[in-house]
Amino acid sequence: MADTQMKPVAALLLFLNFCMYVIVLGIGAWAMNRAIDYGFIIGPGFKLPAHFAPIYFPMGNAATGFFVTFAMLAGVVGVASAIAGLNHIRSWNASCLPSAASIAGVAWTFTLLAMGFACKEIELEIRNAHLRTMEAFLIILTVTQLVYIAAIHGGA
């Protein structure tokens, strides 16, 4: 790649996205653990509640289960994207661009999907500070991941 002006921009965005995806994974893991520990307990003498949902999170609203699930998927794919992107930044040539760009695109689409559930969760309003933080990170990540994809394509 002849144009190396975008390399520092792409490297900065890659580092920023990696850190934010790790934070999303941490908050998502906390929410998943809390849902498993304090969710519905169904025993032999209990009946299912009237509004039972298999994805139940006691700390949020009806969109929380889907939001946390897709946020964790986006986080895992985003971290994988950062690893592939690190290889691309290190070599910065056209041979490794397709792998870095494709996994970055997949991570962006998962992040966009999780952001949609975050918007729905914001609309439904009942949530705690951890979930608000994860919503904010995913909305910011949607933009920064797209700018990262543009930056690595700009260096081509």
N, C-alpha and C. Protein backbone atom coordinates (compact mmCIF):
# COMPACT_ATOMS: atom_id res chain seq x y z
N MET A 1 0.84 -1.17 0.00
CA MET A 1 0.00 0.00 0.00
C MET A 1 0.89 1.23 0.00
N ALA A 2 0.68 2.04 -0.99
CA ALA A 2 1.52 3.21 -1.13
C ALA A 2 1.15 4.30 -0.12
N ASP A 3 -0.12 4.40 0.19
CA ASP A 3 -0.59 5.46 1.08
C ASP A 3 -0.52 4.99 2.53
N THR A 4 0.46 5.49 3.26
CA THR A 4 0.59 5.11 4.68
C THR A 4 0.08 6.21 5.61
N GLN A 5 -0.57 7.24 5.06
CA GLN A 5 -1.09 8.32 5.90
C GLN A 5 -2.25 7.85 6.78
N MET A 6 -2.98 6.86 6.32
CA MET A 6 -4.12 6.37 7.08
C MET A 6 -3.73 5.33 8.13
N LYS A 7 -2.50 4.87 8.11
CA LYS A 7 -2.08 3.83 9.04
C LYS A 7 -2.18 4.26 10.50
N PRO A 8 -1.71 5.45 10.89
CA PRO A 8 -1.87 5.85 12.30
C PRO A 8 -3.33 6.04 12.71
N VAL A 9 -4.15 6.52 11.80
CA VAL A 9 -5.57 6.70 12.09
C VAL A 9 -6.23 5.34 12.31
N ALA A 10 -5.92 4.40 11.41
CA ALA A 10 -6.49 3.06 11.53
C ALA A 10 -6.00 2.38 12.81
N ALA A 11 -4.73 2.57 13.15
CA ALA A 11 -4.19 1.96 14.37
C ALA A 11 -4.86 2.52 15.62
N LEU A 12 -5.08 3.83 15.64
CA LEU A 12 -5.75 4.46 16.79
C LEU A 12 -7.19 3.96 16.91
N LEU A 13 -7.90 3.91 15.80
CA LEU A 13 -9.27 3.42 15.83
C LEU A 13 -9.34 1.95 16.22
N LEU A 14 -8.36 1.18 15.75
CA LEU A 14 -8.31 -0.24 16.10
C LEU A 14 -8.13 -0.42 17.60
N PHE A 15 -7.22 0.33 18.20
CA PHE A 15 -6.99 0.25 19.64
C PHE A 15 -8.23 0.71 20.41
N LEU A 16 -8.83 1.81 19.97
CA LEU A 16 -10.04 2.32 20.63
C LEU A 16 -11.17 1.30 20.56
N ASN A 17 -11.39 0.74 19.38
CA ASN A 17 -12.46 -0.25 19.21
C ASN A 17 -12.19 -1.49 20.06
N PHE A 18 -10.95 -1.95 20.09
CA PHE A 18 -10.61 -3.12 20.90
C PHE A 18 -10.95 -2.87 22.37
N CYS A 19 -10.54 -1.73 22.90
CA CYS A 19 -10.81 -1.42 24.31
C CYS A 19 -12.32 -1.34 24.58
N MET A 20 -13.04 -0.71 23.66
CA MET A 20 -14.49 -0.58 23.86
C MET A 20 -15.21 -1.92 23.74
N TYR A 21 -14.77 -2.78 22.82
CA TYR A 21 -15.38 -4.10 22.71
C TYR A 21 -15.11 -4.94 23.97
N VAL A 22 -13.93 -4.81 24.55
CA VAL A 22 -13.62 -5.54 25.78
C VAL A 22 -14.50 -5.05 26.93
N ILE A 23 -14.74 -3.74 26.99
CA ILE A 23 -15.63 -3.19 28.03
C ILE A 23 -17.06 -3.70 27.82
N VAL A 24 -17.52 -3.73 26.57
CA VAL A 24 -18.86 -4.25 26.28
C VAL A 24 -18.95 -5.71 26.70
N LEU A 25 -17.91 -6.49 26.42
CA LEU A 25 -17.91 -7.89 26.84
C LEU A 25 -17.95 -8.03 28.36
N GLY A 26 -17.22 -7.18 29.06
CA GLY A 26 -17.23 -7.23 30.52
C GLY A 26 -18.59 -6.91 31.11
N ILE A 27 -19.23 -5.85 30.62
CA ILE A 27 -20.55 -5.49 31.13
C ILE A 27 -21.58 -6.54 30.72
N GLY A 28 -21.46 -7.04 29.50
CA GLY A 28 -22.38 -8.08 29.04
C GLY A 28 -22.25 -9.36 29.84
N ALA A 29 -21.01 -9.73 30.19
CA ALA A 29 -20.79 -10.92 31.01
C ALA A 29 -21.39 -10.73 32.39
N TRP A 30 -21.27 -9.52 32.94
CA TRP A 30 -21.88 -9.24 34.24
C TRP A 30 -23.40 -9.41 34.15
N ALA A 31 -24.00 -8.84 33.09
CA ALA A 31 -25.46 -8.90 32.94
C ALA A 31 -25.92 -10.35 32.74
N MET A 32 -25.17 -11.11 31.97
CA MET A 32 -25.53 -12.51 31.73
C MET A 32 -25.42 -13.32 33.03
N ASN A 33 -24.37 -13.08 33.80
CA ASN A 33 -24.20 -13.77 35.08
C ASN A 33 -25.32 -13.41 36.03
N ARG A 34 -25.68 -12.15 36.08
CA ARG A 34 -26.76 -11.71 36.97
C ARG A 34 -28.10 -12.32 36.55
N ALA A 35 -28.31 -12.41 35.25
CA ALA A 35 -29.57 -13.00 34.77
C ALA A 35 -29.63 -14.49 35.11
N ILE A 36 -28.51 -15.16 35.01
CA ILE A 36 -28.50 -16.59 35.34
C ILE A 36 -28.70 -16.80 36.84
N ASP A 37 -28.04 -15.95 37.66
CA ASP A 37 -28.15 -16.11 39.11
C ASP A 37 -29.51 -15.69 39.67
N TYR A 38 -30.10 -14.62 39.12
CA TYR A 38 -31.33 -14.07 39.70
C TYR A 38 -32.53 -14.14 38.77
N GLY A 39 -32.47 -14.95 37.74
CA GLY A 39 -33.60 -15.12 36.83
C GLY A 39 -34.66 -15.99 37.44
N PHE A 40 -35.54 -16.50 36.60
CA PHE A 40 -36.60 -17.39 37.07
C PHE A 40 -36.01 -18.70 37.58
N ILE A 41 -36.53 -19.16 38.71
CA ILE A 41 -36.14 -20.46 39.24
C ILE A 41 -37.36 -21.35 39.11
N ILE A 42 -37.25 -22.34 38.27
CA ILE A 42 -38.38 -23.24 38.02
C ILE A 42 -38.04 -24.59 38.65
N GLY A 43 -38.83 -24.98 39.60
CA GLY A 43 -38.63 -26.27 40.26
C GLY A 43 -39.80 -27.19 40.00
N PRO A 44 -39.79 -28.36 40.63
CA PRO A 44 -40.87 -29.32 40.37
C PRO A 44 -42.24 -28.82 40.84
N GLY A 45 -42.29 -28.00 41.85
CA GLY A 45 -43.58 -27.53 42.36
C GLY A 45 -44.00 -26.18 41.82
N PHE A 46 -43.21 -25.59 40.94
CA PHE A 46 -43.51 -24.25 40.43
C PHE A 46 -44.12 -24.32 39.04
N LYS A 47 -44.95 -23.35 38.72
CA LYS A 47 -45.49 -23.21 37.38
C LYS A 47 -44.78 -22.04 36.71
N LEU A 48 -44.76 -22.07 35.39
CA LEU A 48 -44.15 -20.95 34.65
C LEU A 48 -44.96 -19.69 34.87
N PRO A 49 -44.30 -18.55 35.08
CA PRO A 49 -45.04 -17.29 35.20
C PRO A 49 -45.80 -16.98 33.91
N ALA A 50 -46.78 -16.13 34.02
CA ALA A 50 -47.63 -15.81 32.86
C ALA A 50 -46.84 -15.17 31.73
N HIS A 51 -45.91 -14.32 32.05
CA HIS A 51 -45.12 -13.62 31.03
C HIS A 51 -43.69 -14.14 31.00
N PHE A 52 -43.55 -15.45 30.97
CA PHE A 52 -42.23 -16.06 30.98
C PHE A 52 -41.56 -15.88 29.62
N ALA A 53 -40.31 -15.46 29.65
CA ALA A 53 -39.50 -15.36 28.44
C ALA A 53 -38.21 -16.12 28.69
N PRO A 54 -37.76 -16.91 27.73
CA PRO A 54 -36.53 -17.66 27.97
C PRO A 54 -35.30 -16.75 28.11
N ILE A 55 -35.38 -15.56 27.57
CA ILE A 55 -34.29 -14.60 27.73
C ILE A 55 -34.79 -13.53 28.70
N TYR A 56 -34.69 -13.82 29.98
CA TYR A 56 -35.19 -12.92 31.01
C TYR A 56 -34.01 -12.31 31.76
N PHE A 57 -34.00 -11.00 31.87
CA PHE A 57 -32.98 -10.28 32.62
C PHE A 57 -33.68 -9.45 33.67
N PRO A 58 -33.41 -9.71 34.95
CA PRO A 58 -34.15 -9.03 36.01
C PRO A 58 -33.80 -7.55 36.17
N MET A 59 -32.74 -7.08 35.50
CA MET A 59 -32.32 -5.70 35.73
C MET A 59 -32.76 -4.74 34.64
N GLY A 60 -33.50 -5.18 33.66
CA GLY A 60 -33.86 -4.29 32.56
C GLY A 60 -35.31 -4.43 32.15
N ASN A 61 -35.54 -4.27 30.85
CA ASN A 61 -36.89 -4.35 30.31
C ASN A 61 -36.98 -5.50 29.32
N ALA A 62 -38.00 -5.50 28.49
CA ALA A 62 -38.23 -6.63 27.58
C ALA A 62 -37.15 -6.77 26.51
N ALA A 63 -36.46 -5.70 26.18
CA ALA A 63 -35.41 -5.75 25.14
C ALA A 63 -34.04 -6.12 25.71
N THR A 64 -33.89 -6.18 27.00
CA THR A 64 -32.59 -6.38 27.62
C THR A 64 -31.95 -7.71 27.24
N GLY A 65 -32.71 -8.78 27.24
CA GLY A 65 -32.15 -10.08 26.91
C GLY A 65 -31.57 -10.13 25.51
N PHE A 66 -32.31 -9.61 24.55
CA PHE A 66 -31.81 -9.58 23.18
C PHE A 66 -30.63 -8.63 23.04
N PHE A 67 -30.73 -7.49 23.72
CA PHE A 67 -29.65 -6.51 23.67
C PHE A 67 -28.35 -7.09 24.21
N VAL A 68 -28.39 -7.72 25.36
CA VAL A 68 -27.18 -8.27 25.97
C VAL A 68 -26.61 -9.41 25.12
N THR A 69 -27.49 -10.25 24.61
CA THR A 69 -27.04 -11.38 23.79
C THR A 69 -26.31 -10.89 22.54
N PHE A 70 -26.92 -9.97 21.82
CA PHE A 70 -26.29 -9.48 20.59
C PHE A 70 -25.11 -8.56 20.88
N ALA A 71 -25.11 -7.88 22.02
CA ALA A 71 -23.95 -7.07 22.39
C ALA A 71 -22.75 -7.96 22.66
N MET A 72 -22.98 -9.10 23.31
CA MET A 72 -21.86 -10.02 23.56
C MET A 72 -21.37 -10.65 22.27
N LEU A 73 -22.27 -10.98 21.36
CA LEU A 73 -21.85 -11.47 20.05
C LEU A 73 -21.03 -10.41 19.31
N ALA A 74 -21.50 -9.18 19.35
CA ALA A 74 -20.76 -8.09 18.71
C ALA A 74 -19.40 -7.90 19.36
N GLY A 75 -19.33 -8.04 20.68
CA GLY A 75 -18.06 -7.90 21.38
C GLY A 75 -17.06 -8.97 21.00
N VAL A 76 -17.51 -10.21 20.90
CA VAL A 76 -16.61 -11.31 20.55
C VAL A 76 -16.11 -11.14 19.12
N VAL A 77 -17.01 -10.84 18.19
CA VAL A 77 -16.60 -10.65 16.80
C VAL A 77 -15.75 -9.39 16.66
N GLY A 78 -16.04 -8.37 17.47
CA GLY A 78 -15.23 -7.15 17.45
C GLY A 78 -13.80 -7.37 17.92
N VAL A 79 -13.64 -8.19 18.94
CA VAL A 79 -12.29 -8.52 19.41
C VAL A 79 -11.55 -9.33 18.35
N ALA A 80 -12.25 -10.26 17.70
CA ALA A 80 -11.64 -11.01 16.60
C ALA A 80 -11.26 -10.08 15.45
N SER A 81 -12.09 -9.08 15.21
CA SER A 81 -11.78 -8.08 14.18
C SER A 81 -10.53 -7.29 14.55
N ALA A 82 -10.38 -6.99 15.81
CA ALA A 82 -9.20 -6.25 16.25
C ALA A 82 -7.93 -7.08 16.08
N ILE A 83 -8.03 -8.37 16.31
CA ILE A 83 -6.87 -9.25 16.13
C ILE A 83 -6.48 -9.32 14.66
N ALA A 84 -7.47 -9.48 13.78
CA ALA A 84 -7.18 -9.49 12.34
C ALA A 84 -6.69 -8.13 11.88
N GLY A 85 -7.26 -7.08 12.45
CA GLY A 85 -6.83 -5.72 12.11
C GLY A 85 -5.41 -5.43 12.56
N LEU A 86 -5.00 -6.00 13.68
CA LEU A 86 -3.63 -5.82 14.14
C LEU A 86 -2.63 -6.42 13.15
N ASN A 87 -2.97 -7.57 12.62
CA ASN A 87 -2.13 -8.19 11.60
C ASN A 87 -2.06 -7.30 10.36
N HIS A 88 -3.17 -6.71 9.98
CA HIS A 88 -3.19 -5.83 8.82
C HIS A 88 -2.38 -4.55 9.07
N ILE A 89 -2.53 -3.97 10.23
CA ILE A 89 -1.78 -2.75 10.56
C ILE A 89 -0.29 -3.04 10.58
N ARG A 90 0.08 -4.21 11.10
CA ARG A 90 1.49 -4.58 11.18
C ARG A 90 2.12 -4.68 9.79
N SER A 91 1.45 -5.34 8.87
CA SER A 91 2.04 -5.52 7.54
C SER A 91 1.63 -4.41 6.57
N TRP A 92 0.42 -3.88 6.69
CA TRP A 92 -0.11 -2.78 5.89
C TRP A 92 0.14 -2.99 4.39
N ASN A 93 -0.32 -4.11 3.88
CA ASN A 93 -0.25 -4.35 2.44
C ASN A 93 -1.59 -4.89 1.96
N ALA A 94 -1.74 -4.96 0.65
CA ALA A 94 -3.02 -5.34 0.05
C ALA A 94 -3.37 -6.80 0.26
N SER A 95 -2.41 -7.64 0.58
CA SER A 95 -2.71 -9.07 0.72
C SER A 95 -3.52 -9.40 1.97
N CYS A 96 -3.39 -8.61 3.02
CA CYS A 96 -4.15 -8.91 4.25
C CYS A 96 -5.35 -8.00 4.44
N LEU A 97 -5.58 -7.07 3.50
CA LEU A 97 -6.74 -6.18 3.60
C LEU A 97 -8.06 -6.93 3.53
N PRO A 98 -8.25 -7.91 2.63
CA PRO A 98 -9.57 -8.55 2.55
C PRO A 98 -10.00 -9.23 3.86
N SER A 99 -9.09 -9.89 4.54
CA SER A 99 -9.48 -10.56 5.78
C SER A 99 -9.83 -9.54 6.86
N ALA A 100 -9.01 -8.49 6.97
CA ALA A 100 -9.28 -7.48 8.00
C ALA A 100 -10.57 -6.72 7.69
N ALA A 101 -10.80 -6.41 6.43
CA ALA A 101 -12.00 -5.66 6.06
C ALA A 101 -13.26 -6.51 6.20
N SER A 102 -13.17 -7.79 5.86
CA SER A 102 -14.38 -8.62 5.94
C SER A 102 -14.79 -8.87 7.39
N ILE A 103 -13.85 -9.19 8.27
CA ILE A 103 -14.22 -9.43 9.67
C ILE A 103 -14.63 -8.12 10.34
N ALA A 104 -14.05 -7.00 9.90
CA ALA A 104 -14.48 -5.70 10.43
C ALA A 104 -15.92 -5.39 10.00
N GLY A 105 -16.26 -5.77 8.78
CA GLY A 105 -17.63 -5.58 8.30
C GLY A 105 -18.62 -6.44 9.06
N VAL A 106 -18.24 -7.68 9.34
CA VAL A 106 -19.11 -8.57 10.13
C VAL A 106 -19.27 -8.02 11.54
N ALA A 107 -18.19 -7.55 12.13
CA ALA A 107 -18.26 -6.96 13.48
C ALA A 107 -19.15 -5.72 13.48
N TRP A 108 -19.05 -4.93 12.41
CA TRP A 108 -19.88 -3.72 12.34
C TRP A 108 -21.36 -4.09 12.22
N THR A 109 -21.70 -5.13 11.45
CA THR A 109 -23.10 -5.49 11.32
C THR A 109 -23.66 -6.04 12.63
N PHE A 110 -22.87 -6.83 13.36
CA PHE A 110 -23.33 -7.28 14.69
C PHE A 110 -23.48 -6.10 15.64
N THR A 111 -22.56 -5.15 15.56
CA THR A 111 -22.64 -3.95 16.41
C THR A 111 -23.86 -3.12 16.05
N LEU A 112 -24.15 -3.03 14.76
CA LEU A 112 -25.33 -2.29 14.30
C LEU A 112 -26.62 -2.96 14.80
N LEU A 113 -26.65 -4.28 14.77
CA LEU A 113 -27.81 -5.01 15.27
C LEU A 113 -27.97 -4.79 16.78
N ALA A 114 -26.88 -4.88 17.51
CA ALA A 114 -26.94 -4.64 18.97
C ALA A 114 -27.34 -3.20 19.26
N MET A 115 -26.89 -2.26 18.42
CA MET A 115 -27.28 -0.87 18.61
C MET A 115 -28.79 -0.69 18.41
N GLY A 116 -29.36 -1.45 17.48
CA GLY A 116 -30.81 -1.39 17.29
C GLY A 116 -31.55 -1.83 18.53
N PHE A 117 -31.08 -2.91 19.16
CA PHE A 117 -31.70 -3.34 20.41
C PHE A 117 -31.43 -2.34 21.54
N ALA A 118 -30.28 -1.66 21.49
CA ALA A 118 -30.00 -0.62 22.48
C ALA A 118 -30.98 0.53 22.33
N CYS A 119 -31.27 0.90 21.10
CA CYS A 119 -32.26 1.98 20.88
C CYS A 119 -33.64 1.57 21.38
N LYS A 120 -34.01 0.31 21.16
CA LYS A 120 -35.30 -0.16 21.66
C LYS A 120 -35.31 -0.17 23.19
N GLU A 121 -34.19 -0.55 23.78
CA GLU A 121 -34.12 -0.55 25.24
C GLU A 121 -34.20 0.88 25.80
N ILE A 122 -33.58 1.82 25.11
CA ILE A 122 -33.68 3.22 25.53
C ILE A 122 -35.12 3.69 25.45
N GLU A 123 -35.82 3.27 24.41
CA GLU A 123 -37.23 3.65 24.24
C GLU A 123 -38.11 3.10 25.35
N LEU A 124 -37.82 1.87 25.82
CA LEU A 124 -38.62 1.25 26.87
C LEU A 124 -38.26 1.75 28.27
N GLU A 125 -37.12 2.40 28.43
CA GLU A 125 -36.72 3.20 29.59
C GLU A 125 -36.29 2.49 30.87
N ILE A 126 -36.77 1.35 31.24
CA ILE A 126 -36.44 0.79 32.55
C ILE A 126 -35.13 0.00 32.45
N ARG A 127 -34.04 0.57 32.96
CA ARG A 127 -32.74 -0.10 32.91
C ARG A 127 -31.82 0.54 33.95
N ASN A 128 -30.70 -0.13 34.24
CA ASN A 128 -29.78 0.40 35.25
C ASN A 128 -28.57 1.07 34.58
N ALA A 129 -27.65 1.55 35.40
CA ALA A 129 -26.51 2.32 34.89
C ALA A 129 -25.56 1.47 34.05
N HIS A 130 -25.40 0.20 34.41
CA HIS A 130 -24.52 -0.67 33.62
C HIS A 130 -25.04 -0.82 32.20
N LEU A 131 -26.34 -1.01 32.07
CA LEU A 131 -26.92 -1.17 30.74
C LEU A 131 -26.87 0.13 29.96
N ARG A 132 -27.04 1.26 30.64
CA ARG A 132 -26.90 2.56 29.96
C ARG A 132 -25.49 2.74 29.42
N THR A 133 -24.50 2.32 30.20
CA THR A 133 -23.11 2.41 29.75
C THR A 133 -22.88 1.54 28.53
N MET A 134 -23.40 0.32 28.55
CA MET A 134 -23.22 -0.57 27.41
C MET A 134 -23.95 -0.04 26.18
N GLU A 135 -25.11 0.58 26.36
CA GLU A 135 -25.82 1.19 25.24
C GLU A 135 -24.98 2.30 24.61
N ALA A 136 -24.41 3.15 25.46
CA ALA A 136 -23.59 4.25 24.96
C ALA A 136 -22.36 3.74 24.21
N PHE A 137 -21.71 2.73 24.77
CA PHE A 137 -20.53 2.17 24.11
C PHE A 137 -20.90 1.57 22.75
N LEU A 138 -22.02 0.91 22.66
CA LEU A 138 -22.39 0.30 21.38
C LEU A 138 -22.79 1.34 20.34
N ILE A 139 -23.42 2.41 20.76
CA ILE A 139 -23.75 3.47 19.82
C ILE A 139 -22.47 4.13 19.31
N ILE A 140 -21.52 4.37 20.19
CA ILE A 140 -20.24 4.95 19.78
C ILE A 140 -19.46 3.96 18.91
N LEU A 141 -19.47 2.69 19.29
CA LEU A 141 -18.76 1.66 18.51
C LEU A 141 -19.31 1.51 17.10
N THR A 142 -20.60 1.72 16.92
CA THR A 142 -21.18 1.64 15.58
C THR A 142 -20.52 2.66 14.66
N VAL A 143 -20.28 3.84 15.16
CA VAL A 143 -19.66 4.89 14.35
C VAL A 143 -18.16 4.64 14.19
N THR A 144 -17.46 4.33 15.28
CA THR A 144 -16.01 4.17 15.18
C THR A 144 -15.61 2.94 14.37
N GLN A 145 -16.41 1.88 14.41
CA GLN A 145 -16.09 0.70 13.60
C GLN A 145 -16.27 1.02 12.11
N LEU A 146 -17.29 1.80 11.78
CA LEU A 146 -17.50 2.19 10.39
C LEU A 146 -16.36 3.10 9.91
N VAL A 147 -15.91 4.01 10.76
CA VAL A 147 -14.79 4.89 10.40
C VAL A 147 -13.51 4.07 10.26
N TYR A 148 -13.33 3.05 11.10
CA TYR A 148 -12.17 2.16 10.97
C TYR A 148 -12.18 1.43 9.64
N ILE A 149 -13.35 0.93 9.23
CA ILE A 149 -13.46 0.26 7.94
C ILE A 149 -13.10 1.22 6.81
N ALA A 150 -13.58 2.45 6.89
CA ALA A 150 -13.24 3.44 5.89
C ALA A 150 -11.74 3.76 5.90
N ALA A 151 -11.14 3.78 7.08
CA ALA A 151 -9.71 4.10 7.19
C ALA A 151 -8.83 3.00 6.57
N ILE A 152 -9.19 1.74 6.79
CA ILE A 152 -8.35 0.70 6.21
C ILE A 152 -8.57 0.60 4.70
N HIS A 153 -9.77 0.96 4.24
CA HIS A 153 -9.99 1.00 2.79
C HIS A 153 -9.35 2.24 2.17
N GLY A 154 -9.23 3.31 2.94
CA GLY A 154 -8.61 4.52 2.45
C GLY A 154 -7.11 4.36 2.20
N GLY A 155 -6.51 3.43 2.91
CA GLY A 155 -5.08 3.18 2.72
C GLY A 155 -4.79 2.26 1.54
N ALA A 156 -5.84 1.74 0.92
CA ALA A 156 -5.64 0.81 -0.20
C ALA A 156 -5.28 1.52 -1.49
